[in-house]
Protein backbone atom coordinates (compact mmCIF):
# COMPACT_ATOMS: atom_id res chain seq x y z
CA MET A 1 -18.57 -8.74 -13.57
CA SER A 2 -16.36 -10.08 -10.90
CA GLY A 3 -16.94 -9.45 -7.19
CA ALA A 4 -13.84 -7.56 -6.86
CA ARG A 5 -14.72 -5.31 -9.86
CA ARG A 6 -18.26 -4.78 -8.52
CA THR A 7 -17.22 -3.93 -4.88
CA LEU A 8 -13.81 -2.37 -5.26
CA GLY A 9 -14.18 -0.87 -8.74
CA PHE A 10 -10.97 -2.56 -10.07
CA SER A 11 -10.15 -6.18 -11.08
CA TRP A 12 -7.73 -8.22 -8.82
CA PRO A 13 -4.94 -7.86 -11.34
CA ALA A 14 -5.38 -4.00 -11.30
CA LEU A 15 -5.48 -3.97 -7.48
CA VAL A 16 -2.17 -6.05 -7.42
CA ALA A 17 -0.67 -3.81 -10.01
CA LEU A 18 -1.57 -0.62 -8.00
CA ALA A 19 0.05 -2.24 -4.82
CA ALA A 20 3.10 -3.17 -6.93
CA LEU A 21 3.82 0.42 -7.68
CA ALA A 22 5.24 0.76 -4.10
CA THR A 23 7.46 -2.39 -4.33
CA PRO A 24 10.59 -0.69 -5.92
CA ARG A 25 11.01 1.35 -2.64
CA VAL A 26 11.27 -1.94 -0.70
CA ALA A 27 14.24 -3.26 -2.62
CA LEU A 28 15.82 0.11 -2.90
CA HIS A 29 15.65 0.93 0.68
CA ASP A 30 16.53 -2.49 1.99
CA LEU A 31 19.60 -2.66 -0.21
CA GLY A 32 20.59 0.86 0.82
CA VAL A 33 20.53 2.16 -2.81
CA VAL A 34 18.26 5.10 -1.83
CA PRO A 35 19.17 6.53 1.58
CA GLU A 36 16.57 7.92 3.94
CA GLY A 37 15.99 11.65 3.99
CA THR A 38 16.56 12.26 0.21
CA ILE A 39 13.94 13.50 -2.26
CA VAL A 40 14.02 10.30 -4.21
CA ALA A 41 13.23 8.31 -0.95
CA ALA A 42 10.33 10.73 -0.28
CA LEU A 43 9.05 10.40 -3.86
CA LEU A 44 9.30 6.48 -3.55
CA ALA A 45 7.35 6.59 -0.36
CA VAL A 46 4.74 9.11 -1.14
CA GLY A 47 4.38 8.66 -5.01
CA PRO A 48 2.66 5.23 -5.02
CA PRO A 49 -0.15 6.15 -2.55
CA LEU A 50 -0.72 9.23 -4.51
CA CYS A 51 -1.08 7.20 -7.60
CA TRP A 52 -3.59 4.92 -5.71
CA VAL A 53 -5.56 8.03 -4.68
CA ALA A 54 -5.56 9.28 -8.22
CA ALA A 55 -6.68 6.03 -9.62
CA VAL A 56 -9.68 5.90 -7.25
CA LEU A 57 -10.58 9.51 -8.04
CA TRP A 58 -10.51 8.77 -11.67
CA ARG A 59 -12.35 5.46 -11.58
CA ARG A 60 -14.74 6.46 -8.71
CA PRO A 61 -15.31 2.94 -7.35
CA PRO A 62 -18.53 2.42 -5.01
CA ARG A 63 -16.27 1.90 -1.97
CA PRO A 64 -13.07 3.98 -2.32
CA PHE A 65 -11.98 3.56 1.19
CA LEU A 66 -12.14 -0.28 1.12
CA THR A 67 -10.58 -0.25 -2.29
CA LEU A 68 -7.49 1.48 -1.01
CA VAL A 69 -7.34 -0.59 2.28
CA VAL A 70 -7.22 -3.66 0.01
CA VAL A 71 -4.39 -2.11 -2.13
CA GLY A 72 -2.55 -1.27 1.08
CA ALA A 73 -2.81 -4.60 2.43
CA LEU A 74 -1.53 -6.15 -0.84
CA TYR A 75 1.35 -3.69 -0.59
CA GLY A 76 1.97 -4.98 2.92
CA VAL A 77 2.19 -8.49 1.52
CA PHE A 78 4.75 -7.20 -1.03
CA LEU A 79 6.54 -5.41 1.76
CA ALA A 80 6.68 -8.37 3.88
CA ALA A 81 8.09 -10.63 1.14
CA GLY A 82 10.57 -8.00 0.14
CA HIS A 83 11.96 -7.69 3.70
CA GLN A 84 12.30 -11.55 3.84
CA VAL A 85 14.08 -11.64 0.47
CA PHE A 86 16.52 -8.89 1.47
CA TRP A 87 16.69 -9.94 5.19
CA ASP A 88 20.44 -10.55 5.38
CA SER A 89 21.55 -7.42 3.54
CA SER A 90 19.09 -5.01 5.40
CA LEU A 91 17.45 -6.27 8.57
CA GLY A 92 19.63 -9.17 9.69
CA MET A 93 19.81 -10.65 13.22
CA ASP A 94 20.89 -7.71 15.30
CA ALA A 95 18.72 -7.92 18.39
CA PRO A 96 20.76 -7.73 21.60
CA GLY A 97 17.69 -8.23 23.78
CA LEU A 98 17.03 -11.64 22.34
CA ALA A 99 20.71 -12.77 22.65
CA GLY A 100 19.60 -15.56 25.01
CA LEU A 101 17.49 -17.31 22.38
CA ALA A 102 18.71 -19.88 20.04
CA PRO A 103 19.75 -18.45 16.78
CA LYS A 104 17.00 -20.28 14.69
CA ALA A 105 14.33 -19.19 17.32
CA ARG A 106 15.62 -15.56 17.26
CA GLU A 107 15.59 -15.52 13.56
CA ALA A 108 12.04 -16.87 13.37
CA LEU A 109 10.74 -14.45 15.96
CA LEU A 110 12.43 -11.52 14.15
CA ARG A 111 11.16 -12.54 10.79
CA GLY A 112 7.72 -13.05 11.96
CA ALA A 113 7.60 -9.69 13.74
CA ALA A 114 8.98 -7.98 10.53
CA ALA A 115 6.24 -9.70 8.45
CA MET A 116 3.42 -8.62 10.83
CA SER A 117 4.81 -5.03 10.95
CA SER A 118 4.89 -4.96 7.22
CA LEU A 119 1.28 -6.03 6.88
CA VAL A 120 0.22 -3.60 9.40
CA THR A 121 2.33 -0.78 7.82
CA GLY A 122 0.95 -1.50 4.25
CA THR A 123 -2.57 -1.68 5.63
CA MET A 124 -2.18 1.54 7.40
CA VAL A 125 -0.82 3.27 4.29
CA GLY A 126 -3.96 2.05 2.62
CA VAL A 127 -6.19 3.47 5.32
CA ILE A 128 -4.60 6.87 5.13
CA ALA A 129 -4.71 6.81 1.33
CA GLY A 130 -8.33 5.62 1.39
CA GLY A 131 -9.32 8.42 3.91
CA ALA A 132 -7.73 11.03 1.62
CA ALA A 133 -9.49 9.64 -1.41
CA VAL A 134 -12.92 9.74 0.40
CA LEU A 135 -12.31 13.31 1.34
CA LEU A 136 -11.04 14.41 -2.07
CA SER A 137 -13.91 12.49 -3.84
CA ARG A 138 -16.37 14.71 -1.78
CA VAL A 139 -14.82 18.03 -3.01
CA LEU A 140 -13.72 17.21 -6.44
CA PRO A 141 -16.09 16.42 -9.21
CA ALA A 142 -15.93 13.05 -10.99
CA PRO A 143 -14.14 13.19 -14.36
CA GLY A 144 -16.44 14.45 -16.98
CA ARG A 145 -18.82 16.14 -14.63
CA ARG A 146 -18.86 19.73 -13.77
CA PRO A 147 -19.27 20.93 -10.16
CA GLY A 148 -22.94 20.90 -9.18
CA GLN A 149 -23.96 18.79 -12.18
CA ALA A 150 -26.69 16.46 -11.29
CA GLY A 151 -26.05 12.68 -11.22
CA GLY A 152 -23.55 10.62 -9.50
CA SER A 153 -20.94 8.17 -10.49
CA ARG A 154 -22.82 5.08 -9.29
CA PRO A 155 -25.46 3.39 -11.39
CA PRO A 156 -29.11 3.50 -10.04
CA ALA A 157 -29.95 0.65 -7.61
């Protein structure tokens, strides 16, 4: 059994796949296909983290909070990459406060800030989803168990 599966309850490919559920929103948002404030935008923003929480509640990994922080961090990597790919069509170079910098320096600074912001955002989505998963796992029985039934989801030590 791999270290990721033992600690996080999922293989690395499964963790990456969970994070990838949120990537369509990046492209659709950056390209202006789905405008903010619509139901579709809300579903694209909230749906993937809800799927992450559902997967953790179904699988019951030993460290659900850490599992979803890792998924969120992976999503942050996808978010950062997506923003870089769609840079010209979405974010661009509009930063009047940095007008005194050379164009290449300004672009490097803005791209770096966007990448860091994406990593933090993705990780924070994972933190919030992980917190929700921990709270829900305390009140919802594990699949196949009735409330109050003895035994946990973890194997004995």
